[in-house]
Every structure is written in C-alpha cells, then in structure tokens.
Protein backbone atom coordinates (compact mmCIF):
# COMPACT_ATOMS: atom_id res chain seq x y z
CA UNK A 1 -12.45 -44.96 -49.83
CA UNK A 2 -14.05 -45.62 -46.47
CA UNK A 3 -17.75 -46.42 -46.15
CA UNK A 4 -19.69 -45.19 -43.16
CA UNK A 5 -20.84 -47.78 -40.67
CA UNK A 6 -24.50 -46.87 -41.19
CA UNK A 7 -24.12 -47.51 -44.94
CA UNK A 8 -22.51 -50.89 -44.24
CA UNK A 9 -25.43 -51.81 -41.95
CA UNK A 10 -27.93 -50.94 -44.70
CA UNK A 11 -26.01 -53.05 -47.23
CA UNK A 12 -25.96 -56.08 -44.91
CA UNK A 13 -29.70 -55.73 -44.25
CA UNK A 14 -30.39 -55.54 -48.00
CA UNK A 15 -28.36 -58.72 -48.59
CA UNK A 16 -30.40 -60.86 -46.17
CA UNK A 17 -32.01 -63.91 -47.83
CA UNK A 18 -35.67 -63.90 -48.86
CA UNK A 19 -36.63 -66.06 -45.87
CA UNK A 20 -35.72 -63.12 -43.65
CA UNK A 21 -38.13 -60.73 -45.43
CA UNK A 22 -40.22 -59.85 -42.34
CA UNK A 23 -37.17 -59.28 -40.17
CA UNK A 24 -35.53 -57.28 -42.95
CA UNK A 25 -38.58 -54.98 -43.12
CA UNK A 26 -38.54 -54.64 -39.33
CA UNK A 27 -34.89 -53.56 -39.41
CA UNK A 28 -35.44 -51.12 -42.28
CA UNK A 29 -38.24 -49.33 -40.43
CA UNK A 30 -36.38 -48.83 -37.17
CA UNK A 31 -35.91 -45.13 -36.46
CA UNK A 32 -32.65 -45.40 -34.52
CA UNK A 33 -29.39 -45.87 -36.41
CA UNK A 34 -27.68 -49.18 -35.76
CA UNK A 35 -24.03 -50.07 -35.47
CA UNK A 36 -22.64 -53.23 -37.06
CA UNK A 37 -22.30 -54.69 -33.58
CA UNK A 38 -26.00 -54.02 -32.86
CA UNK A 39 -26.96 -55.59 -36.19
CA UNK A 40 -24.90 -58.72 -35.56
CA UNK A 41 -26.52 -59.15 -32.13
CA UNK A 42 -30.01 -58.76 -33.61
CA UNK A 43 -29.22 -61.19 -36.45
CA UNK A 44 -27.91 -63.82 -34.01
CA UNK A 45 -31.01 -63.51 -31.84
CA UNK A 46 -33.30 -63.80 -34.87
CA UNK A 47 -31.37 -66.80 -36.17
CA UNK A 48 -31.63 -68.50 -32.77
CA UNK A 49 -35.37 -67.80 -32.73
CA UNK A 50 -35.78 -69.26 -36.23
CA UNK A 51 -33.79 -72.37 -35.31
CA UNK A 52 -35.69 -72.80 -32.04
CA UNK A 53 -38.98 -72.64 -33.93
CA UNK A 54 -37.81 -75.34 -36.35
CA UNK A 55 -37.05 -77.67 -33.43
CA UNK A 56 -40.63 -77.31 -32.23
CA UNK A 57 -42.34 -77.61 -35.61
CA UNK A 58 -40.46 -80.51 -37.20
CA UNK A 59 -41.20 -83.20 -34.59
CA UNK A 60 -44.92 -82.41 -34.74
CA UNK A 61 -44.88 -82.68 -38.54
CA UNK A 62 -43.21 -86.10 -38.32
CA UNK A 63 -45.89 -87.38 -35.95
CA UNK A 64 -48.71 -86.27 -38.27
CA UNK A 65 -47.05 -87.93 -41.28
CA UNK A 66 -47.34 -91.41 -39.76
C-alpha cells in the first residue's frame, strides 16, 4: 500500500517535537501543497535558525549569571 507524498508530509509535520509548535502551525496553515523535499529544506532552515539563535542567547546568559 503506497501513501501519497502529501500524506507523508502531513505525518512528518504532526510528528515534530513540541518545541517546534509555532513552526508546525505555520506549516499546517500554508495553502500550497509541499513535497517531502520542500519540507526537508524548510526543516533544515528552521533548525539552522534555532541553532543560530541559541549561539547568540547563551553567551549573554552566561555573562549575566556572573
């Protein structure tokens, strides 16, 4: 039994962790259908953005703790 690509995309979006809630809602409300390739690209970009933000926030938190 083959599953359509659009169904697979929806399943992957639903399985995102709770920390991705805002991005998950953004993806769910997009009007255009997405391919798995499009989804992977968007997830990588979002992950890079999340990691980049951590690099900026953590050093500032360490300075305030002293």
